[in-house]
C-alpha atoms as a PDB file:
ATOM      1  CA  MET A   1     133.976  88.642  80.741  1.00  0.00           C
ATOM      2  CA  LEU A   2     132.400  91.327  79.518  1.00  0.00           C
ATOM      3  CA  PHE A   3     128.767  92.249  80.933  1.00  0.00           C
ATOM      4  CA  ILE A   4     126.191  94.340  79.445  1.00  0.00           C
ATOM      5  CA  ILE A   5     123.813  95.540  82.107  1.00  0.00           C
ATOM      6  CA  GLY A   6     120.184  97.305  81.212  1.00  0.00           C
ATOM      7  CA  LEU A   7     119.568  99.914  83.540  1.00  0.00           C
ATOM      8  CA  GLY A   8     116.049 100.289  82.911  1.00  0.00           C
ATOM      9  CA  LEU A   9     114.133 103.406  82.381  1.00  0.00           C
ATOM     10  CA  GLY A  10     114.176 105.595  85.741  1.00  0.00           C
ATOM     11  CA  ASP A  11     117.125 106.405  88.376  1.00  0.00           C
ATOM     12  CA  CYS A  12     119.898 104.028  89.479  1.00  0.00           C
ATOM     13  CA  LYS A  13     117.330 102.312  91.466  1.00  0.00           C
ATOM     14  CA  ASP A  14     115.709 100.654  88.148  1.00  0.00           C
ATOM     15  CA  ILE A  15     118.860  98.044  88.279  1.00  0.00           C
ATOM     16  CA  THR A  16     117.885  94.529  88.709  1.00  0.00           C
ATOM     17  CA  VAL A  17     119.444  92.652  91.981  1.00  0.00           C
ATOM     18  CA  ARG A  18     121.702  90.473  89.594  1.00  0.00           C
ATOM     19  CA  GLY A  19     122.800  93.304  87.496  1.00  0.00           C
ATOM     20  CA  LEU A  20     123.401  95.468  90.650  1.00  0.00           C
ATOM     21  CA  GLU A  21     125.881  92.048  92.105  1.00  0.00           C
ATOM     22  CA  ILE A  22     127.652  91.993  88.830  1.00  0.00           C
ATOM     23  CA  ILE A  23     128.387  95.586  88.845  1.00  0.00           C
ATOM     24  CA  LYS A  24     129.877  95.475  92.178  1.00  0.00           C
ATOM     25  CA  LYS A  25     132.494  92.663  91.529  1.00  0.00           C
ATOM     26  CA  CYS A  26     133.637  94.233  88.302  1.00  0.00           C
ATOM     27  CA  ASP A  27     137.281  95.347  87.142  1.00  0.00           C
ATOM     28  CA  ARG A  28     136.056  98.425  85.299  1.00  0.00           C
ATOM     29  CA  VAL A  29     132.341 100.073  84.627  1.00  0.00           C
ATOM     30  CA  TYR A  30     131.431 101.889  81.832  1.00  0.00           C
ATOM     31  CA  LEU A  31     128.377 104.272  81.268  1.00  0.00           C
ATOM     32  CA  GLU A  32     127.116 104.123  77.526  1.00  0.00           C
ATOM     33  CA  SER A  33     125.809 107.786  77.462  1.00  0.00           C
ATOM     34  CA  TYR A  34     124.460 108.521  74.181  1.00  0.00           C
ATOM     35  CA  THR A  35     121.664 105.934  72.960  1.00  0.00           C
ATOM     36  CA  SER A  36     119.353 106.395  76.192  1.00  0.00           C
ATOM     37  CA  ILE A  37     119.409 108.803  79.553  1.00  0.00           C
ATOM     38  CA  LEU A  38     118.381 108.378  82.983  1.00  0.00           C
ATOM     39  CA  THR A  39     117.075 111.036  85.114  1.00  0.00           C
ATOM     40  CA  CYS A  40     120.375 110.797  87.110  1.00  0.00           C
ATOM     41  CA  GLY A  41     123.559 111.318  86.454  1.00  0.00           C
ATOM     42  CA  PRO A  42     126.548 109.329  86.508  1.00  0.00           C
ATOM     43  CA  GLU A  43     127.518 110.413  90.177  1.00  0.00           C
ATOM     44  CA  ALA A  44     124.400 108.673  91.263  1.00  0.00           C
ATOM     45  CA  LEU A  45     125.269 106.121  89.409  1.00  0.00           C
ATOM     46  CA  GLU A  46     128.819 105.996  91.507  1.00  0.00           C
ATOM     47  CA  GLU A  47     127.186 106.457  94.787  1.00  0.00           C
ATOM     48  CA  PHE A  48     124.651 103.801  94.950  1.00  0.00           C
ATOM     49  CA  TYR A  49     126.702 101.502  93.201  1.00  0.00           C
ATOM     50  CA  ASP A  50     129.898 102.288  95.014  1.00  0.00           C
ATOM     51  CA  ARG A  51     131.964 102.137  91.728  1.00  0.00           C
ATOM     52  CA  LYS A  52     133.746 104.553  89.772  1.00  0.00           C
ATOM     53  CA  ILE A  53     131.707 104.963  86.238  1.00  0.00           C
ATOM     54  CA  ILE A  54     133.587 105.305  83.360  1.00  0.00           C
ATOM     55  CA  VAL A  55     131.639 107.580  80.981  1.00  0.00           C
ATOM     56  CA  ALA A  56     131.566 106.207  77.236  1.00  0.00           C
ATOM     57  CA  ASP A  57     130.454 108.578  74.369  1.00  0.00           C
ATOM     58  CA  ARG A  58     129.260 107.329  70.948  1.00  0.00           C
ATOM     59  CA  ASP A  59     133.282 107.600  70.142  1.00  0.00           C
ATOM     60  CA  LEU A  60     134.496 105.231  72.362  1.00  0.00           C
ATOM     61  CA  VAL A  61     131.422 102.846  71.960  1.00  0.00           C
ATOM     62  CA  GLU A  62     131.601 102.602  68.041  1.00  0.00           C
ATOM     63  CA  LEU A  63     135.292 103.419  67.768  1.00  0.00           C
ATOM     64  CA  GLY A  64     136.926 102.761  70.509  1.00  0.00           C
ATOM     65  CA  ALA A  65     135.164  99.175  71.090  1.00  0.00           C
ATOM     66  CA  ASP A  66     138.582  97.819  71.818  1.00  0.00           C
ATOM     67  CA  GLN A  67     139.249  99.793  74.750  1.00  0.00           C
ATOM     68  CA  ILE A  68     135.822  98.604  76.447  1.00  0.00           C
ATOM     69  CA  LEU A  69     137.372  95.402  75.681  1.00  0.00           C
ATOM     70  CA  GLU A  70     140.764  95.285  76.840  1.00  0.00           C
ATOM     71  CA  GLY A  71     141.655  92.705  79.299  1.00  0.00           C
ATOM     72  CA  ALA A  72     138.256  91.373  79.497  1.00  0.00           C
ATOM     73  CA  ASP A  73     139.497  87.676  78.423  1.00  0.00           C
ATOM     74  CA  GLU A  74     141.128  88.208  82.330  1.00  0.00           C
ATOM     75  CA  LEU A  75     138.712  90.829  84.062  1.00  0.00           C
ATOM     76  CA  ASP A  76     134.912  91.487  84.392  1.00  0.00           C
ATOM     77  CA  VAL A  77     133.753  94.515  82.400  1.00  0.00           C
ATOM     78  CA  ALA A  78     130.318  95.779  82.371  1.00  0.00           C
ATOM     79  CA  LEU A  79     128.878  98.215  80.114  1.00  0.00           C
ATOM     80  CA  LEU A  80     126.406 100.054  81.598  1.00  0.00           C
ATOM     81  CA  VAL A  81     123.239 100.890  79.224  1.00  0.00           C
ATOM     82  CA  GLY A  82     120.326 102.828  79.641  1.00  0.00           C
ATOM     83  CA  GLY A  83     116.770 100.618  79.098  1.00  0.00           C
ATOM     84  CA  ASP A  84     117.552  97.352  77.639  1.00  0.00           C
ATOM     85  CA  PRO A  85     120.759  96.434  76.408  1.00  0.00           C
ATOM     86  CA  PHE A  86     119.335  95.173  72.876  1.00  0.00           C
ATOM     87  CA  SER A  87     117.360  98.071  72.496  1.00  0.00           C
ATOM     88  CA  ALA A  88     120.036  99.340  70.349  1.00  0.00           C
ATOM     89  CA  THR A  89     121.762  97.763  67.414  1.00  0.00           C
ATOM     90  CA  THR A  90     125.012  99.322  68.581  1.00  0.00           C
ATOM     91  CA  HIS A  91     125.348  96.826  71.537  1.00  0.00           C
ATOM     92  CA  THR A  92     124.413  93.576  69.496  1.00  0.00           C
ATOM     93  CA  ASP A  93     127.710  95.235  67.393  1.00  0.00           C
ATOM     94  CA  LEU A  94     129.954  95.028  70.568  1.00  0.00           C
ATOM     95  CA  VAL A  95     128.551  91.517  71.120  1.00  0.00           C
ATOM     96  CA  LEU A  96     130.095  90.673  67.731  1.00  0.00           C
ATOM     97  CA  ARG A  97     133.047  92.133  68.378  1.00  0.00           C
ATOM     98  CA  ALA A  98     134.056  90.461  71.431  1.00  0.00           C
ATOM     99  CA  LYS A  99     132.867  87.472  70.354  1.00  0.00           C
ATOM    100  CA  GLU A 100     135.128  87.400  67.381  1.00  0.00           C
ATOM    101  CA  LYS A 101     137.789  87.968  69.920  1.00  0.00           C
ATOM    102  CA  GLY A 102     136.593  84.919  72.096  1.00  0.00           C
ATOM    103  CA  LEU A 103     135.645  86.768  74.924  1.00  0.00           C
ATOM    104  CA  GLN A 104     132.542  85.952  76.706  1.00  0.00           C
ATOM    105  CA  VAL A 105     129.667  87.679  77.142  1.00  0.00           C
ATOM    106  CA  GLU A 106     126.392  88.031  79.516  1.00  0.00           C
ATOM    107  CA  ILE A 107     123.453  90.100  79.325  1.00  0.00           C
ATOM    108  CA  VAL A 108     121.364  91.568  81.876  1.00  0.00           C
ATOM    109  CA  HIS A 109     117.950  92.626  80.629  1.00  0.00           C
ATOM    110  CA  ASN A 110     115.929  95.141  81.814  1.00  0.00           C
ATOM    111  CA  ALA A 111     112.504  97.339  80.708  1.00  0.00           C
ATOM    112  CA  SER A 112     112.616  99.501  77.819  1.00  0.00           C
ATOM    113  CA  ILE A 113     110.434 101.792  76.000  1.00  0.00           C
ATOM    114  CA  LEU A 114     109.541  99.018  74.060  1.00  0.00           C
ATOM    115  CA  ASN A 115     107.848  97.148  76.272  1.00  0.00           C
ATOM    116  CA  ALA A 116     106.873  99.722  79.127  1.00  0.00           C
ATOM    117  CA  VAL A 117     105.245 101.570  75.967  1.00  0.00           C
ATOM    118  CA  GLY A 118     102.042  99.616  77.303  1.00  0.00           C
ATOM    119  CA  CYS A 119     101.386 102.104  80.155  1.00  0.00           C
ATOM    120  CA  CYS A 120      99.614 104.090  78.013  1.00  0.00           C
ATOM    121  CA  GLY A 121      96.725 101.251  77.362  1.00  0.00           C
ATOM    122  CA  LEU A 122      97.670 100.454  74.374  1.00  0.00           C
ATOM    123  CA  GLN A 123      98.260  96.560  73.697  1.00  0.00           C
ATOM    124  CA  LEU A 124     101.821  95.199  72.890  1.00  0.00           C
ATOM    125  CA  TYR A 125     100.663  92.775  70.131  1.00  0.00           C
ATOM    126  CA  ASN A 126      98.867  95.440  68.166  1.00  0.00           C
ATOM    127  CA  PHE A 127     101.919  97.346  67.714  1.00  0.00           C
ATOM    128  CA  GLY A 128     103.815  97.190  64.316  1.00  0.00           C
ATOM    129  CA  GLU A 129     107.329  97.447  63.251  1.00  0.00           C
ATOM    130  CA  THR A 130     108.912 100.622  65.498  1.00  0.00           C
ATOM    131  CA  ILE A 131     110.445 103.398  63.851  1.00  0.00           C
ATOM    132  CA  SER A 132     112.845 106.513  64.552  1.00  0.00           C
ATOM    133  CA  ILE A 133     112.230 109.690  63.734  1.00  0.00           C
ATOM    134  CA  PRO A 134     115.392 112.208  63.455  1.00  0.00           C
ATOM    135  CA  TYR A 135     115.860 115.133  63.288  1.00  0.00           C
ATOM    136  CA  TRP A 136     115.394 117.603  59.829  1.00  0.00           C
ATOM    137  CA  THR A 137     117.993 120.173  59.097  1.00  0.00           C
ATOM    138  CA  ASP A 138     118.140 122.626  56.248  1.00  0.00           C
ATOM    139  CA  VAL A 139     119.267 120.123  53.834  1.00  0.00           C
ATOM    140  CA  TRP A 140     118.070 116.791  55.040  1.00  0.00           C
ATOM    141  CA  GLN A 141     114.691 116.245  55.395  1.00  0.00           C
ATOM    142  CA  PRO A 142     114.287 112.423  55.027  1.00  0.00           C
ATOM    143  CA  ASP A 143     110.496 111.228  55.350  1.00  0.00           C
ATOM    144  CA  SER A 144     111.131 107.087  54.241  1.00  0.00           C
ATOM    145  CA  PHE A 145     110.495 106.246  58.046  1.00  0.00           C
ATOM    146  CA  PHE A 146     106.608 107.479  57.393  1.00  0.00           C
ATOM    147  CA  ASP A 147     105.871 104.542  54.953  1.00  0.00           C
ATOM    148  CA  LYS A 148     106.359 102.310  57.605  1.00  0.00           C
ATOM    149  CA  ILE A 149     103.733 104.216  59.783  1.00  0.00           C
ATOM    150  CA  ILE A 150     101.275 103.878  56.379  1.00  0.00           C
ATOM    151  CA  LYS A 151     102.500 100.122  56.445  1.00  0.00           C
ATOM    152  CA  ASN A 152     101.465  99.489  60.166  1.00  0.00           C
ATOM    153  CA  TYR A 153      98.109 101.854  59.631  1.00  0.00           C
ATOM    154  CA  LYS A 154      96.672  99.697  57.209  1.00  0.00           C
ATOM    155  CA  ASN A 155      97.617  96.832  58.746  1.00  0.00           C
ATOM    156  CA  LYS A 156      95.616  98.038  61.738  1.00  0.00           C
ATOM    157  CA  LEU A 157      98.489  97.805  63.773  1.00  0.00           C
ATOM    158  CA  HIS A 158      99.884 100.763  65.973  1.00  0.00           C
ATOM    159  CA  THR A 159     103.555 102.519  65.466  1.00  0.00           C
ATOM    160  CA  LEU A 160     105.977 103.165  67.886  1.00  0.00           C
ATOM    161  CA  CYS A 161     107.995 106.289  67.667  1.00  0.00           C
ATOM    162  CA  LEU A 162     111.122 106.364  68.966  1.00  0.00           C
ATOM    163  CA  LEU A 163     112.498 110.406  68.912  1.00  0.00           C
ATOM    164  CA  ASP A 164     116.200 111.317  67.788  1.00  0.00           C
ATOM    165  CA  ILE A 165     118.965 112.500  70.655  1.00  0.00           C
ATOM    166  CA  LYS A 166     121.779 114.307  70.332  1.00  0.00           C
ATOM    167  CA  VAL A 167     124.353 113.810  72.474  1.00  0.00           C
ATOM    168  CA  LYS A 168     127.773 115.145  71.884  1.00  0.00           C
ATOM    169  CA  GLU A 169     127.045 115.412  68.151  1.00  0.00           C
ATOM    170  CA  PRO A 170     129.877 117.106  66.377  1.00  0.00           C
ATOM    171  CA  THR A 171     129.006 120.456  63.977  1.00  0.00           C
ATOM    172  CA  TYR A 172     129.115 120.113  60.369  1.00  0.00           C
ATOM    173  CA  GLU A 173     131.712 122.901  60.481  1.00  0.00           C
ATOM    174  CA  SER A 174     134.129 120.751  62.573  1.00  0.00           C
ATOM    175  CA  LEU A 175     134.032 117.502  60.832  1.00  0.00           C
ATOM    176  CA  THR A 176     136.756 118.710  58.176  1.00  0.00           C
ATOM    177  CA  LYS A 177     138.764 120.303  61.325  1.00  0.00           C
ATOM    178  CA  LYS A 178     141.165 118.156  63.189  1.00  0.00           C
ATOM    179  CA  LYS A 179     139.705 119.429  66.767  1.00  0.00           C
ATOM    180  CA  LYS A 180     135.867 118.716  66.678  1.00  0.00           C
ATOM    181  CA  GLU A 181     133.257 120.775  68.231  1.00  0.00           C
ATOM    182  CA  TYR A 182     130.071 119.213  69.576  1.00  0.00           C
ATOM    183  CA  MET A 183     126.430 120.595  69.553  1.00  0.00           C
ATOM    184  CA  PRO A 184     124.512 121.422  72.772  1.00  0.00           C
ATOM    185  CA  PRO A 185     122.648 118.198  73.543  1.00  0.00           C
ATOM    186  CA  ARG A 186     119.241 118.044  72.132  1.00  0.00           C
ATOM    187  CA  PHE A 187     116.353 115.490  72.913  1.00  0.00           C
ATOM    188  CA  MET A 188     113.272 115.570  70.054  1.00  0.00           C
ATOM    189  CA  THR A 189     110.027 116.754  71.622  1.00  0.00           C
ATOM    190  CA  VAL A 190     106.378 115.021  71.061  1.00  0.00           C
ATOM    191  CA  SER A 191     105.502 118.248  69.677  1.00  0.00           C
ATOM    192  CA  GLU A 192     108.487 118.342  67.380  1.00  0.00           C
ATOM    193  CA  ALA A 193     108.098 115.079  66.254  1.00  0.00           C
ATOM    194  CA  SER A 194     104.332 115.592  65.531  1.00  0.00           C
ATOM    195  CA  GLN A 195     105.506 118.977  63.590  1.00  0.00           C
ATOM    196  CA  GLN A 196     107.507 116.745  60.777  1.00  0.00           C
ATOM    197  CA  LEU A 197     105.063 114.657  60.883  1.00  0.00           C
ATOM    198  CA  VAL A 198     102.149 117.040  59.448  1.00  0.00           C
ATOM    199  CA  LYS A 199     104.622 118.371  57.824  1.00  0.00           C
ATOM    200  CA  ILE A 200     105.013 115.181  55.732  1.00  0.00           C
ATOM    201  CA  LEU A 201     101.415 114.973  55.289  1.00  0.00           C
ATOM    202  CA  GLN A 202     101.316 118.456  53.252  1.00  0.00           C
ATOM    203  CA  ASN A 203     103.910 117.378  51.206  1.00  0.00           C
ATOM    204  CA  ARG A 204     102.128 113.885  50.049  1.00  0.00           C
ATOM    205  CA  ALA A 205      98.906 115.694  50.213  1.00  0.00           C
ATOM    206  CA  TYR A 206      97.078 112.384  51.168  1.00  0.00           C
ATOM    207  CA  GLN A 207      93.029 112.634  50.411  1.00  0.00           C
ATOM    208  CA  ASN A 208      91.541 109.206  51.748  1.00  0.00           C
ATOM    209  CA  ASP A 209      90.927 107.784  55.214  1.00  0.00           C
ATOM    210  CA  GLU A 210      93.593 104.550  54.604  1.00  0.00           C
ATOM    211  CA  TYR A 211      95.920 106.965  55.387  1.00  0.00           C
ATOM    212  CA  VAL A 212      97.309 108.765  58.927  1.00  0.00           C
ATOM    213  CA  THR A 213      95.819 112.387  58.404  1.00  0.00           C
ATOM    214  CA  GLU A 214      96.315 115.173  61.091  1.00  0.00           C
ATOM    215  CA  ASN A 215      93.124 114.336  62.921  1.00  0.00           C
ATOM    216  CA  SER A 216      94.591 110.541  63.793  1.00  0.00           C
ATOM    217  CA  LEU A 217      94.875 109.595  67.076  1.00  0.00           C
ATOM    218  CA  CYS A 218      98.195 109.746  68.693  1.00  0.00           C
ATOM    219  CA  VAL A 219      99.673 109.306  72.304  1.00  0.00           C
ATOM    220  CA  GLY A 220     102.766 111.148  73.492  1.00  0.00           C
ATOM    221  CA  LEU A 221     104.847 110.236  76.644  1.00  0.00           C
ATOM    222  CA  ALA A 222     107.456 111.236  78.424  1.00  0.00           C
ATOM    223  CA  ARG A 223     109.618 110.133  81.376  1.00  0.00           C
ATOM    224  CA  VAL A 224     108.150 106.697  81.125  1.00  0.00           C
ATOM    225  CA  GLY A 225     108.711 104.773  84.180  1.00  0.00           C
ATOM    226  CA  THR A 226     109.631 107.463  86.595  1.00  0.00           C
ATOM    227  CA  LYS A 227     107.780 109.678  89.121  1.00  0.00           C
ATOM    228  CA  THR A 228     107.216 112.715  86.442  1.00  0.00           C
ATOM    229  CA  GLN A 229     105.892 110.233  83.733  1.00  0.00           C
ATOM    230  CA  GLN A 230     103.572 111.798  81.318  1.00  0.00           C
ATOM    231  CA  ILE A 231     100.978 110.840  78.869  1.00  0.00           C
ATOM    232  CA  VAL A 232      98.774 112.736  76.828  1.00  0.00           C
ATOM    233  CA  ALA A 233      96.339 111.371  73.827  1.00  0.00           C
ATOM    234  CA  CYS A 234      95.178 113.498  71.418  1.00  0.00           C
ATOM    235  CA  THR A 235      94.932 114.444  67.395  1.00  0.00           C
ATOM    236  CA  LEU A 236      98.299 114.507  65.556  1.00  0.00           C
ATOM    237  CA  GLN A 237      97.646 118.247  64.899  1.00  0.00           C
ATOM    238  CA  GLU A 238      96.946 118.948  68.702  1.00  0.00           C
ATOM    239  CA  MET A 239     100.331 117.109  69.222  1.00  0.00           C
ATOM    240  CA  CYS A 240     101.920 119.678  67.768  1.00  0.00           C
ATOM    241  CA  LYS A 241     101.702 122.170  70.492  1.00  0.00           C
ATOM    242  CA  ALA A 242     101.661 119.508  73.539  1.00  0.00           C
ATOM    243  CA  ASP A 243     104.266 120.173  76.074  1.00  0.00           C
ATOM    244  CA  LEU A 244     105.414 117.022  78.283  1.00  0.00           C
ATOM    245  CA  GLY A 245     108.325 118.755  79.850  1.00  0.00           C
ATOM    246  CA  GLY A 246     111.651 117.303  79.533  1.00  0.00           C
ATOM    247  CA  PRO A 247     113.268 114.064  78.061  1.00  0.00           C
ATOM    248  CA  LEU A 248     113.153 111.556  77.069  1.00  0.00           C
ATOM    249  CA  HIS A 249     109.805 111.627  75.006  1.00  0.00           C
ATOM    250  CA  SER A 250     108.094 109.006  72.903  1.00  0.00           C
ATOM    251  CA  LEU A 251     105.320 108.878  70.229  1.00  0.00           C
ATOM    252  CA  VAL A 252     102.452 106.623  69.316  1.00  0.00           C
ATOM    253  CA  VAL A 253     100.587 107.110  66.255  1.00  0.00           C
ATOM    254  CA  THR A 254      97.196 104.613  66.345  1.00  0.00           C
ATOM    255  CA  GLY A 255      96.279 102.238  63.929  1.00  0.00           C
ATOM    256  CA  PRO A 256      92.753 103.117  62.548  1.00  0.00           C
ATOM    257  CA  VAL A 257      91.050 100.449  64.776  1.00  0.00           C
ATOM    258  CA  VAL A 258      91.467 100.978  68.672  1.00  0.00           C
ATOM    259  CA  HIS A 259      90.160  98.388  70.955  1.00  0.00           C
ATOM    260  CA  PRO A 260      87.567  99.139  73.272  1.00  0.00           C
ATOM    261  CA  LEU A 261      89.650  98.097  76.237  1.00  0.00           C
ATOM    262  CA  GLU A 262      92.208 100.020  74.849  1.00  0.00           C
ATOM    263  CA  LEU A 263      90.363 103.487  74.175  1.00  0.00           C
ATOM    264  CA  GLU A 264      88.954 102.826  77.605  1.00  0.00           C
ATOM    265  CA  TYR A 265      92.371 103.421  79.188  1.00  0.00           C
ATOM    266  CA  LEU A 266      93.516 105.910  76.740  1.00  0.00           C
ATOM    267  CA  LYS A 267      90.400 108.311  78.034  1.00  0.00           C
ATOM    268  CA  GLN A 268      92.385 109.365  81.070  1.00  0.00           C
ATOM    269  CA  PHE A 269      94.708 111.143  79.115  1.00  0.00           C
ATOM    270  CA  MET A 270      92.461 112.728  76.503  1.00  0.00           C
ATOM    271  CA  SER A 271      91.270 116.544  76.717  1.00  0.00           C
ATOM    272  CA  GLY A 272      88.466 117.188  74.000  1.00  0.00           C
ATOM    273  CA  SER A 273      90.107 115.481  70.941  1.00  0.00           C
ATOM    274  CA  ASP A 274      87.864 114.435  67.881  1.00  0.00           C
ATOM    275  CA  PHE A 275      89.461 111.499  66.150  1.00  0.00           C
ATOM    276  CA  ASN A 276      89.151 110.387  62.742  1.00  0.00           C
ATOM    277  CA  ALA A 277      89.397 106.931  64.226  1.00  0.00           C
ATOM    278  CA  SER A 278      87.172 104.043  64.130  1.00  0.00           C
ATOM    279  CA  PHE A 279      87.032 102.288  67.156  1.00  0.00           C
ATOM    280  CA  ASP A 280      85.434  98.749  67.423  1.00  0.00           C
END
C-alpha cells in the first residue's frame, strides 16, 4: 500500500499516533521536501521515527513518481508531507497515478496552514479563495492572483496568501544544459509579498474604497504551530517593513468588514496602526 502521511506544521513530534505506527512498519519511507518545510531536518525525523528516510525532491515526486510507487503492490511505502497531504495538488496527482496502477492508497491527515491560520483570531468561515503569491523576476511579474484578492474583498471575505518557496530550483542558465545547476533556497517573507502587492496597487491605480488599499488591514504569520510562532497585524504598507524572522511565512489580507470578536483577538498583535476598514 502507498501511505501519504501529513506531518503537521512543527517538528517530528507533530506526527499523529496512527501516522507514526504506519511509518514504523513501512518498507520504504520518503520525505517530500519542496512544497513545505518543518523546523527539523531529515536526521531528526530518522532518529524520532527510528527509520531510514529517503529525501524526495521535486524531480522525484513529479517526474520520478514511478520510483516511489515501485513495489507498492507488495510492500508498504510511505510519503511524508509537511502539513496535510492534500494541501498541495502534487500529492493529489500522486494518488491518481497510484490508483491508475491499481495500488491501494491510504491518507493520514494532519494540521496545515489552511486551518491553523485561525490562530490569528480570524474566523475560518470568513475566508474566501486561498491564493499563492509567486516570486517576481525582472522579466516575469504576474499579478492575476490579485483579482482573487479583490473578489474576496468585495464579498467581505479574508484572503489567505501562501507565499512562494524555492527549493532546488534550477537556474535559468542551466535549463539548456545537460547538468542542472540550482539556485540557493529562498522562502518568501510577508514583507516581500506585501511589497509586491503594493506595487500591483500602484500599477493599477485604484482610487475607491471598494478595493484593497495600502491602508488595508493585513496579518502576517510566521512558523505557525511552532514555539517560535509570530503574528503581526498592521496595514499593508506597514507590512512591507515587518520582520518576522525565518520561514515559513503566510499573509492574510482581511476583508473590509472584521467581526468584533476577530478584531478583539487581533488587537494583541497590533501596534499603532490606523486601518482603512469598517468594523461591525
